[in-house]
C-alpha atoms as a PDB file:
ATOM      1  CA  UNK A   1     -18.136  12.130 -48.284  1.00  0.00           C
ATOM      2  CA  UNK A   2     -18.661  14.502 -51.202  1.00  0.00           C
ATOM      3  CA  UNK A   3     -19.554  13.447 -54.731  1.00  0.00           C
ATOM      4  CA  UNK A   4     -16.218  14.734 -56.049  1.00  0.00           C
ATOM      5  CA  UNK A   5     -14.262  12.464 -53.697  1.00  0.00           C
ATOM      6  CA  UNK A   6     -16.362   9.432 -54.679  1.00  0.00           C
ATOM      7  CA  UNK A   7     -15.936  10.295 -58.344  1.00  0.00           C
ATOM      8  CA  UNK A   8     -12.196  10.593 -57.801  1.00  0.00           C
ATOM      9  CA  UNK A   9     -12.031   7.113 -56.231  1.00  0.00           C
ATOM     10  CA  UNK A  10     -14.004   5.717 -59.166  1.00  0.00           C
ATOM     11  CA  UNK A  11     -11.671   7.282 -61.709  1.00  0.00           C
ATOM     12  CA  UNK A  12      -8.623   6.132 -59.746  1.00  0.00           C
ATOM     13  CA  UNK A  13      -9.928   2.545 -59.547  1.00  0.00           C
ATOM     14  CA  UNK A  14     -10.696   2.550 -63.272  1.00  0.00           C
ATOM     15  CA  UNK A  15      -7.240   3.927 -64.064  1.00  0.00           C
ATOM     16  CA  UNK A  16      -5.535   1.243 -61.926  1.00  0.00           C
ATOM     17  CA  UNK A  17      -7.606  -1.516 -63.520  1.00  0.00           C
ATOM     18  CA  UNK A  18      -6.977  -0.410 -67.109  1.00  0.00           C
ATOM     19  CA  UNK A  19      -3.363   0.355 -66.291  1.00  0.00           C
ATOM     20  CA  UNK A  20      -2.740  -3.196 -65.055  1.00  0.00           C
ATOM     21  CA  UNK A  21      -4.526  -4.646 -68.088  1.00  0.00           C
ATOM     22  CA  UNK A  22      -2.532  -2.416 -70.410  1.00  0.00           C
ATOM     23  CA  UNK A  23       0.732  -3.402 -68.724  1.00  0.00           C
ATOM     24  CA  UNK A  24       0.012  -7.115 -69.116  1.00  0.00           C
ATOM     25  CA  UNK A  25      -0.928  -6.716 -72.777  1.00  0.00           C
ATOM     26  CA  UNK A  26       2.079  -4.479 -73.461  1.00  0.00           C
ATOM     27  CA  UNK A  27       4.449  -6.900 -71.704  1.00  0.00           C
ATOM     28  CA  UNK A  28       3.168  -9.853 -73.728  1.00  0.00           C
ATOM     29  CA  UNK A  29       3.348  -7.980 -77.034  1.00  0.00           C
ATOM     30  CA  UNK A  30       6.844  -6.612 -76.412  1.00  0.00           C
ATOM     31  CA  UNK A  31       8.240 -10.021 -75.485  1.00  0.00           C
ATOM     32  CA  UNK A  32       6.303 -12.116 -77.992  1.00  0.00           C
ATOM     33  CA  UNK A  33       5.663 -10.302 -81.285  1.00  0.00           C
ATOM     34  CA  UNK A  34       9.302 -10.361 -82.393  1.00  0.00           C
ATOM     35  CA  UNK A  35       9.417 -14.154 -82.060  1.00  0.00           C
ATOM     36  CA  UNK A  36       6.409 -14.820 -84.304  1.00  0.00           C
ATOM     37  CA  UNK A  37       8.001 -16.674 -87.210  1.00  0.00           C
ATOM     38  CA  UNK A  38       6.595 -18.840 -90.031  1.00  0.00           C
ATOM     39  CA  UNK A  39       8.053 -21.919 -88.343  1.00  0.00           C
ATOM     40  CA  UNK A  40       5.693 -21.411 -85.401  1.00  0.00           C
ATOM     41  CA  UNK A  41       2.776 -21.939 -87.784  1.00  0.00           C
ATOM     42  CA  UNK A  42       4.080 -25.068 -89.500  1.00  0.00           C
ATOM     43  CA  UNK A  43       1.511 -27.825 -89.805  1.00  0.00           C
ATOM     44  CA  UNK A  44       3.708 -30.384 -88.014  1.00  0.00           C
ATOM     45  CA  UNK A  45       5.309 -29.613 -84.668  1.00  0.00           C
ATOM     46  CA  UNK A  46       8.847 -30.805 -83.988  1.00  0.00           C
ATOM     47  CA  UNK A  47      11.407 -30.198 -81.252  1.00  0.00           C
ATOM     48  CA  UNK A  48      13.107 -27.650 -83.555  1.00  0.00           C
ATOM     49  CA  UNK A  49      10.179 -25.477 -84.702  1.00  0.00           C
ATOM     50  CA  UNK A  50       7.834 -26.090 -81.691  1.00  0.00           C
ATOM     51  CA  UNK A  51       4.959 -25.100 -83.971  1.00  0.00           C
ATOM     52  CA  UNK A  52       1.741 -23.922 -82.332  1.00  0.00           C
ATOM     53  CA  UNK A  53      -0.500 -24.831 -85.294  1.00  0.00           C
ATOM     54  CA  UNK A  54      -1.493 -28.247 -83.831  1.00  0.00           C
ATOM     55  CA  UNK A  55      -2.296 -26.460 -80.556  1.00  0.00           C
ATOM     56  CA  UNK A  56      -4.462 -23.919 -82.414  1.00  0.00           C
ATOM     57  CA  UNK A  57      -6.406 -26.708 -84.151  1.00  0.00           C
ATOM     58  CA  UNK A  58      -6.787 -28.619 -80.882  1.00  0.00           C
ATOM     59  CA  UNK A  59      -8.002 -25.471 -79.136  1.00  0.00           C
ATOM     60  CA  UNK A  60     -10.697 -25.061 -81.791  1.00  0.00           C
ATOM     61  CA  UNK A  61     -11.675 -28.720 -81.329  1.00  0.00           C
ATOM     62  CA  UNK A  62     -11.974 -28.387 -77.564  1.00  0.00           C
ATOM     63  CA  UNK A  63     -13.830 -25.062 -77.641  1.00  0.00           C
ATOM     64  CA  UNK A  64     -16.160 -26.166 -80.433  1.00  0.00           C
ATOM     65  CA  UNK A  65     -16.961 -29.506 -78.810  1.00  0.00           C
ATOM     66  CA  UNK A  66     -17.499 -27.897 -75.421  1.00  0.00           C
ATOM     67  CA  UNK A  67     -19.837 -25.185 -76.714  1.00  0.00           C
ATOM     68  CA  UNK A  68     -21.723 -27.686 -78.869  1.00  0.00           C
ATOM     69  CA  UNK A  69     -22.712 -29.550 -75.706  1.00  0.00           C
ATOM     70  CA  UNK A  70     -22.861 -26.871 -73.035  1.00  0.00           C
ATOM     71  CA  UNK A  71     -24.669 -24.089 -74.890  1.00  0.00           C
ATOM     72  CA  UNK A  72     -27.991 -25.867 -75.569  1.00  0.00           C
ATOM     73  CA  UNK A  73     -27.991 -27.691 -72.232  1.00  0.00           C
ATOM     74  CA  UNK A  74     -27.029 -24.614 -70.230  1.00  0.00           C
ATOM     75  CA  UNK A  75     -29.419 -22.233 -71.991  1.00  0.00           C
ATOM     76  CA  UNK A  76     -32.417 -24.565 -71.840  1.00  0.00           C
ATOM     77  CA  UNK A  77     -31.677 -25.383 -68.202  1.00  0.00           C
ATOM     78  CA  UNK A  78     -31.608 -21.677 -67.408  1.00  0.00           C
ATOM     79  CA  UNK A  79     -34.912 -21.202 -69.240  1.00  0.00           C
ATOM     80  CA  UNK A  80     -36.483 -24.041 -67.307  1.00  0.00           C
ATOM     81  CA  UNK A  81     -35.308 -22.759 -63.923  1.00  0.00           C
ATOM     82  CA  UNK A  82     -36.624 -19.238 -64.593  1.00  0.00           C
ATOM     83  CA  UNK A  83     -39.705 -19.754 -66.732  1.00  0.00           C
ATOM     84  CA  UNK A  84     -41.115 -23.117 -65.663  1.00  0.00           C
ATOM     85  CA  UNK A  85     -39.667 -24.400 -62.398  1.00  0.00           C
ATOM     86  CA  UNK A  86     -41.180 -23.692 -59.010  1.00  0.00           C
ATOM     87  CA  UNK A  87     -38.474 -21.741 -57.181  1.00  0.00           C
ATOM     88  CA  UNK A  88     -39.782 -23.010 -53.822  1.00  0.00           C
ATOM     89  CA  UNK A  89     -39.304 -26.632 -54.825  1.00  0.00           C
ATOM     90  CA  UNK A  90     -36.461 -28.243 -52.800  1.00  0.00           C
ATOM     91  CA  UNK A  91     -35.069 -29.941 -55.914  1.00  0.00           C
ATOM     92  CA  UNK A  92     -34.937 -26.640 -57.798  1.00  0.00           C
ATOM     93  CA  UNK A  93     -33.243 -25.001 -54.813  1.00  0.00           C
ATOM     94  CA  UNK A  94     -30.706 -27.836 -54.714  1.00  0.00           C
ATOM     95  CA  UNK A  95     -29.996 -27.437 -58.447  1.00  0.00           C
ATOM     96  CA  UNK A  96     -29.479 -23.675 -58.055  1.00  0.00           C
ATOM     97  CA  UNK A  97     -27.179 -24.168 -55.070  1.00  0.00           C
ATOM     98  CA  UNK A  98     -25.209 -26.853 -56.925  1.00  0.00           C
ATOM     99  CA  UNK A  99     -24.832 -24.534 -59.919  1.00  0.00           C
ATOM    100  CA  UNK A 100     -23.459 -21.725 -57.758  1.00  0.00           C
ATOM    101  CA  UNK A 101     -21.129 -24.122 -55.948  1.00  0.00           C
ATOM    102  CA  UNK A 102     -19.755 -25.761 -59.088  1.00  0.00           C
ATOM    103  CA  UNK A 103     -19.099 -22.373 -60.685  1.00  0.00           C
ATOM    104  CA  UNK A 104     -16.644 -21.595 -57.863  1.00  0.00           C
ATOM    105  CA  UNK A 105     -14.826 -24.946 -57.802  1.00  0.00           C
ATOM    106  CA  UNK A 106     -11.114 -24.663 -58.778  1.00  0.00           C
ATOM    107  CA  UNK A 107     -10.268 -26.103 -62.170  1.00  0.00           C
ATOM    108  CA  UNK A 108      -7.745 -28.546 -60.706  1.00  0.00           C
ATOM    109  CA  UNK A 109     -10.632 -30.307 -58.952  1.00  0.00           C
ATOM    110  CA  UNK A 110     -12.375 -30.737 -62.312  1.00  0.00           C
ATOM    111  CA  UNK A 111      -9.119 -32.034 -63.728  1.00  0.00           C
ATOM    112  CA  UNK A 112      -8.743 -34.651 -61.005  1.00  0.00           C
ATOM    113  CA  UNK A 113     -12.373 -35.700 -61.410  1.00  0.00           C
ATOM    114  CA  UNK A 114     -11.948 -35.950 -65.184  1.00  0.00           C
ATOM    115  CA  UNK A 115      -8.778 -37.976 -64.755  1.00  0.00           C
ATOM    116  CA  UNK A 116     -10.356 -40.411 -62.286  1.00  0.00           C
ATOM    117  CA  UNK A 117     -13.689 -40.781 -64.101  1.00  0.00           C
ATOM    118  CA  UNK A 118     -13.134 -40.236 -67.837  1.00  0.00           C
ATOM    119  CA  UNK A 119      -9.487 -41.197 -68.191  1.00  0.00           C
ATOM    120  CA  UNK A 120      -9.272 -44.057 -65.658  1.00  0.00           C
ATOM    121  CA  UNK A 121     -12.762 -45.403 -64.932  1.00  0.00           C
ATOM    122  CA  UNK A 122     -14.184 -45.102 -68.472  1.00  0.00           C
ATOM    123  CA  UNK A 123     -10.770 -45.910 -70.023  1.00  0.00           C
ATOM    124  CA  UNK A 124     -10.809 -42.911 -72.363  1.00  0.00           C
ATOM    125  CA  UNK A 125      -7.085 -42.375 -71.662  1.00  0.00           C
ATOM    126  CA  UNK A 126      -5.608 -38.903 -72.130  1.00  0.00           C
ATOM    127  CA  UNK A 127      -7.734 -37.897 -75.087  1.00  0.00           C
ATOM    128  CA  UNK A 128      -9.711 -35.181 -76.797  1.00  0.00           C
ATOM    129  CA  UNK A 129     -13.062 -36.580 -75.643  1.00  0.00           C
ATOM    130  CA  UNK A 130     -11.918 -36.652 -72.007  1.00  0.00           C
ATOM    131  CA  UNK A 131     -10.779 -33.031 -72.255  1.00  0.00           C
ATOM    132  CA  UNK A 132     -14.034 -31.920 -73.900  1.00  0.00           C
ATOM    133  CA  UNK A 133     -16.247 -33.666 -71.347  1.00  0.00           C
ATOM    134  CA  UNK A 134     -14.248 -32.205 -68.465  1.00  0.00           C
ATOM    135  CA  UNK A 135     -14.548 -28.749 -70.026  1.00  0.00           C
ATOM    136  CA  UNK A 136     -18.294 -29.296 -70.385  1.00  0.00           C
ATOM    137  CA  UNK A 137     -18.689 -29.992 -66.676  1.00  0.00           C
ATOM    138  CA  UNK A 138     -16.483 -27.026 -65.845  1.00  0.00           C
ATOM    139  CA  UNK A 139     -18.248 -24.449 -68.065  1.00  0.00           C
ATOM    140  CA  UNK A 140     -21.870 -25.615 -67.771  1.00  0.00           C
ATOM    141  CA  UNK A 141     -22.558 -23.833 -64.424  1.00  0.00           C
ATOM    142  CA  UNK A 142     -21.335 -20.537 -65.886  1.00  0.00           C
ATOM    143  CA  UNK A 143     -23.747 -20.673 -68.819  1.00  0.00           C
ATOM    144  CA  UNK A 144     -26.674 -21.772 -66.635  1.00  0.00           C
ATOM    145  CA  UNK A 145     -26.132 -18.945 -64.162  1.00  0.00           C
ATOM    146  CA  UNK A 146     -25.614 -16.353 -66.914  1.00  0.00           C
ATOM    147  CA  UNK A 147     -28.819 -17.463 -68.638  1.00  0.00           C
ATOM    148  CA  UNK A 148     -30.763 -17.232 -65.380  1.00  0.00           C
ATOM    149  CA  UNK A 149     -29.477 -13.737 -64.664  1.00  0.00           C
ATOM    150  CA  UNK A 150     -30.189 -12.577 -68.225  1.00  0.00           C
ATOM    151  CA  UNK A 151     -33.759 -13.872 -68.111  1.00  0.00           C
ATOM    152  CA  UNK A 152     -34.494 -12.441 -64.677  1.00  0.00           C
ATOM    153  CA  UNK A 153     -33.185  -9.024 -65.734  1.00  0.00           C
ATOM    154  CA  UNK A 154     -35.676  -8.836 -68.608  1.00  0.00           C
ATOM    155  CA  UNK A 155     -38.482  -8.323 -66.094  1.00  0.00           C
ATOM    156  CA  UNK A 156     -42.131  -9.316 -66.073  1.00  0.00           C
ATOM    157  CA  UNK A 157     -43.669  -6.385 -68.046  1.00  0.00           C
ATOM    158  CA  UNK A 158     -42.536  -7.577 -71.485  1.00  0.00           C
ATOM    159  CA  UNK A 159     -43.870 -11.066 -70.769  1.00  0.00           C
ATOM    160  CA  UNK A 160     -47.201  -9.722 -69.599  1.00  0.00           C
ATOM    161  CA  UNK A 161     -47.432  -7.460 -72.654  1.00  0.00           C
ATOM    162  CA  UNK A 162     -46.842 -10.443 -74.921  1.00  0.00           C
ATOM    163  CA  UNK A 163     -49.449 -12.511 -73.096  1.00  0.00           C
ATOM    164  CA  UNK A 164     -51.912  -9.629 -73.385  1.00  0.00           C
ATOM    165  CA  UNK A 165     -51.482  -9.666 -77.156  1.00  0.00           C
ATOM    166  CA  UNK A 166     -52.436 -13.331 -77.249  1.00  0.00           C
ATOM    167  CA  UNK A 167     -48.999 -14.957 -77.525  1.00  0.00           C
ATOM    168  CA  UNK A 168     -48.423 -18.244 -75.737  1.00  0.00           C
ATOM    169  CA  UNK A 169     -45.651 -18.926 -73.245  1.00  0.00           C
ATOM    170  CA  UNK A 170     -43.339 -20.703 -75.678  1.00  0.00           C
ATOM    171  CA  UNK A 171     -43.795 -18.050 -78.358  1.00  0.00           C
ATOM    172  CA  UNK A 172     -43.185 -15.320 -75.792  1.00  0.00           C
ATOM    173  CA  UNK A 173     -39.952 -16.973 -74.680  1.00  0.00           C
ATOM    174  CA  UNK A 174     -38.462 -17.359 -78.156  1.00  0.00           C
ATOM    175  CA  UNK A 175     -39.721 -14.170 -79.852  1.00  0.00           C
ATOM    176  CA  UNK A 176     -39.827 -11.663 -76.984  1.00  0.00           C
ATOM    177  CA  UNK A 177     -37.677 -12.751 -74.035  1.00  0.00           C
ATOM    178  CA  UNK A 178     -34.796 -14.465 -75.849  1.00  0.00           C
ATOM    179  CA  UNK A 179     -33.775 -11.498 -78.066  1.00  0.00           C
ATOM    180  CA  UNK A 180     -33.703  -9.200 -75.031  1.00  0.00           C
ATOM    181  CA  UNK A 181     -31.746 -11.696 -72.918  1.00  0.00           C
ATOM    182  CA  UNK A 182     -29.347 -12.699 -75.708  1.00  0.00           C
ATOM    183  CA  UNK A 183     -26.528 -10.264 -74.798  1.00  0.00           C
ATOM    184  CA  UNK A 184     -26.452 -11.607 -71.238  1.00  0.00           C
ATOM    185  CA  UNK A 185     -26.540 -15.214 -72.441  1.00  0.00           C
ATOM    186  CA  UNK A 186     -23.710 -14.581 -74.880  1.00  0.00           C
ATOM    187  CA  UNK A 187     -21.712 -12.973 -72.076  1.00  0.00           C
ATOM    188  CA  UNK A 188     -21.956 -16.259 -70.191  1.00  0.00           C
ATOM    189  CA  UNK A 189     -20.924 -18.195 -73.277  1.00  0.00           C
ATOM    190  CA  UNK A 190     -17.939 -15.874 -73.775  1.00  0.00           C
ATOM    191  CA  UNK A 191     -16.961 -16.283 -70.124  1.00  0.00           C
ATOM    192  CA  UNK A 192     -17.159 -20.071 -70.401  1.00  0.00           C
ATOM    193  CA  UNK A 193     -15.208 -20.020 -73.675  1.00  0.00           C
ATOM    194  CA  UNK A 194     -12.496 -17.849 -72.160  1.00  0.00           C
ATOM    195  CA  UNK A 195     -12.161 -20.232 -69.244  1.00  0.00           C
ATOM    196  CA  UNK A 196     -11.775 -23.216 -71.580  1.00  0.00           C
ATOM    197  CA  UNK A 197      -9.247 -21.425 -73.810  1.00  0.00           C
ATOM    198  CA  UNK A 198      -7.091 -20.371 -70.872  1.00  0.00           C
ATOM    199  CA  UNK A 199      -7.371 -23.642 -68.964  1.00  0.00           C
ATOM    200  CA  UNK A 200      -4.282 -25.720 -68.235  1.00  0.00           C
ATOM    201  CA  UNK A 201      -4.733 -27.704 -65.002  1.00  0.00           C
ATOM    202  CA  UNK A 202      -7.954 -29.490 -65.934  1.00  0.00           C
ATOM    203  CA  UNK A 203      -6.863 -30.282 -69.499  1.00  0.00           C
ATOM    204  CA  UNK A 204      -3.369 -31.376 -68.519  1.00  0.00           C
ATOM    205  CA  UNK A 205      -4.860 -34.362 -66.650  1.00  0.00           C
ATOM    206  CA  UNK A 206      -7.492 -35.203 -69.263  1.00  0.00           C
ATOM    207  CA  UNK A 207      -6.426 -33.992 -72.722  1.00  0.00           C
ATOM    208  CA  UNK A 208      -2.729 -34.588 -72.207  1.00  0.00           C
ATOM    209  CA  UNK A 209       0.109 -32.642 -73.801  1.00  0.00           C
ATOM    210  CA  UNK A 210       0.889 -34.405 -77.104  1.00  0.00           C
ATOM    211  CA  UNK A 211       2.259 -31.966 -79.684  1.00  0.00           C
ATOM    212  CA  UNK A 212       0.405 -33.433 -82.657  1.00  0.00           C
ATOM    213  CA  UNK A 213      -3.132 -32.781 -83.924  1.00  0.00           C
ATOM    214  CA  UNK A 214      -5.564 -35.354 -82.451  1.00  0.00           C
ATOM    215  CA  UNK A 215      -6.491 -37.857 -85.142  1.00  0.00           C
ATOM    216  CA  UNK A 216      -9.756 -38.804 -83.435  1.00  0.00           C
ATOM    217  CA  UNK A 217     -11.685 -38.250 -80.219  1.00  0.00           C
ATOM    218  CA  UNK A 218      -9.504 -40.740 -78.356  1.00  0.00           C
ATOM    219  CA  UNK A 219      -6.176 -39.144 -79.310  1.00  0.00           C
ATOM    220  CA  UNK A 220      -4.204 -36.786 -77.087  1.00  0.00           C
ATOM    221  CA  UNK A 221      -3.240 -33.207 -77.900  1.00  0.00           C
ATOM    222  CA  UNK A 222      -2.600 -29.818 -76.359  1.00  0.00           C
ATOM    223  CA  UNK A 223      -4.356 -26.461 -76.441  1.00  0.00           C
ATOM    224  CA  UNK A 224      -2.613 -23.113 -76.838  1.00  0.00           C
ATOM    225  CA  UNK A 225      -2.541 -22.583 -73.087  1.00  0.00           C
ATOM    226  CA  UNK A 226      -1.062 -26.035 -72.553  1.00  0.00           C
ATOM    227  CA  UNK A 227       1.442 -25.427 -75.354  1.00  0.00           C
ATOM    228  CA  UNK A 228       2.562 -22.218 -73.673  1.00  0.00           C
ATOM    229  CA  UNK A 229       2.766 -23.975 -70.289  1.00  0.00           C
ATOM    230  CA  UNK A 230       4.862 -26.834 -71.664  1.00  0.00           C
ATOM    231  CA  UNK A 231       7.296 -24.525 -73.487  1.00  0.00           C
ATOM    232  CA  UNK A 232       7.785 -22.238 -70.494  1.00  0.00           C
ATOM    233  CA  UNK A 233       8.060 -25.177 -68.088  1.00  0.00           C
ATOM    234  CA  UNK A 234      10.748 -26.896 -70.157  1.00  0.00           C
ATOM    235  CA  UNK A 235      12.767 -23.684 -70.280  1.00  0.00           C
ATOM    236  CA  UNK A 236      14.254 -24.284 -73.752  1.00  0.00           C
ATOM    237  CA  UNK A 237      11.730 -22.255 -75.773  1.00  0.00           C
ATOM    238  CA  UNK A 238      10.646 -19.415 -73.501  1.00  0.00           C
ATOM    239  CA  UNK A 239      10.669 -16.926 -76.408  1.00  0.00           C
ATOM    240  CA  UNK A 240       8.268 -19.139 -78.349  1.00  0.00           C
ATOM    241  CA  UNK A 241       6.087 -19.334 -75.227  1.00  0.00           C
ATOM    242  CA  UNK A 242       5.759 -15.546 -75.303  1.00  0.00           C
ATOM    243  CA  UNK A 243       4.854 -15.740 -79.001  1.00  0.00           C
ATOM    244  CA  UNK A 244       2.197 -18.312 -78.146  1.00  0.00           C
ATOM    245  CA  UNK A 245       0.832 -15.928 -75.528  1.00  0.00           C
ATOM    246  CA  UNK A 246       0.442 -13.249 -78.227  1.00  0.00           C
ATOM    247  CA  UNK A 247      -1.568 -15.611 -80.434  1.00  0.00           C
ATOM    248  CA  UNK A 248      -3.648 -16.694 -77.443  1.00  0.00           C
ATOM    249  CA  UNK A 249      -4.365 -13.049 -76.616  1.00  0.00           C
ATOM    250  CA  UNK A 250      -5.396 -12.314 -80.205  1.00  0.00           C
ATOM    251  CA  UNK A 251      -7.518 -15.459 -80.200  1.00  0.00           C
ATOM    252  CA  UNK A 252      -9.491 -14.243 -77.177  1.00  0.00           C
ATOM    253  CA  UNK A 253      -9.827 -10.678 -78.504  1.00  0.00           C
ATOM    254  CA  UNK A 254     -11.151 -11.867 -81.875  1.00  0.00           C
ATOM    255  CA  UNK A 255     -13.580 -14.228 -80.175  1.00  0.00           C
ATOM    256  CA  UNK A 256     -14.882 -11.482 -77.893  1.00  0.00           C
ATOM    257  CA  UNK A 257     -15.231  -9.107 -80.845  1.00  0.00           C
ATOM    258  CA  UNK A 258     -17.207 -11.605 -82.906  1.00  0.00           C
ATOM    259  CA  UNK A 259     -19.427 -12.437 -79.942  1.00  0.00           C
ATOM    260  CA  UNK A 260     -20.112  -8.743 -79.306  1.00  0.00           C
ATOM    261  CA  UNK A 261     -20.962  -8.241 -82.983  1.00  0.00           C
ATOM    262  CA  UNK A 262     -23.351 -11.197 -83.000  1.00  0.00           C
ATOM    263  CA  UNK A 263     -24.963 -10.000 -79.768  1.00  0.00           C
ATOM    264  CA  UNK A 264     -25.508  -6.529 -81.242  1.00  0.00           C
ATOM    265  CA  UNK A 265     -27.035  -7.953 -84.422  1.00  0.00           C
ATOM    266  CA  UNK A 266     -29.362 -10.220 -82.469  1.00  0.00           C
ATOM    267  CA  UNK A 267     -30.396  -7.378 -80.176  1.00  0.00           C
ATOM    268  CA  UNK A 268     -31.283  -5.197 -83.163  1.00  0.00           C
ATOM    269  CA  UNK A 269     -33.198  -8.050 -84.717  1.00  0.00           C
ATOM    270  CA  UNK A 270     -35.259  -8.473 -81.572  1.00  0.00           C
ATOM    271  CA  UNK A 271     -36.382  -4.818 -81.478  1.00  0.00           C
END
């Protein structure tokens, strides 16, 4: 097969991929932008305005709480597995296999586990804390695996060069390896954040679907994805569901842009 044919298949695949993505974005914008009204951003949600502002605040709560727990645990676990652990150890092998397995588990399974353990067994009820803890379990394998891959891709030469200059292992990790691996680590964090933002099944059974802003960790609420699901499922406010999809899309795009900017700044700082 000639190089031109292979190149043609590559261009065709790229065109199909970007075409489908563009169609989805265009469809959402066409059907949702015209229904973005001030009432949708009212502080209190009622059956008349079906405001998404409580859902936006709840989404920030869930994402912030999830990342606050998963990021340090996931990153340090990845560092331990790559830099310190003996890869031939059966326990380390079991941890790696469990991480890969949990990363592929459907979200509904996490939702059922969260409902049975956090909501029922621990009596947290449908609450913000139950939703956050379920999201932590769901996104932790993604961050661990992304950190491992980012660290492995840095290679041994930069570590050996740092050791040759007299730096210790811990100093090498934080001043040499971490800046190089930061873009890959942030990619894992972005992937985990996107999964939490777009999640419905797991949070429906743990966070609940209350339309108000959670007053504390043991109060129920709904994220933007859940808000969109509830509106479209009821069938009375489908237009507002499209508008919610526009805000959710912008939310993800802004988050990805900020993460890319931070990654670029950190990469420059490490050079």
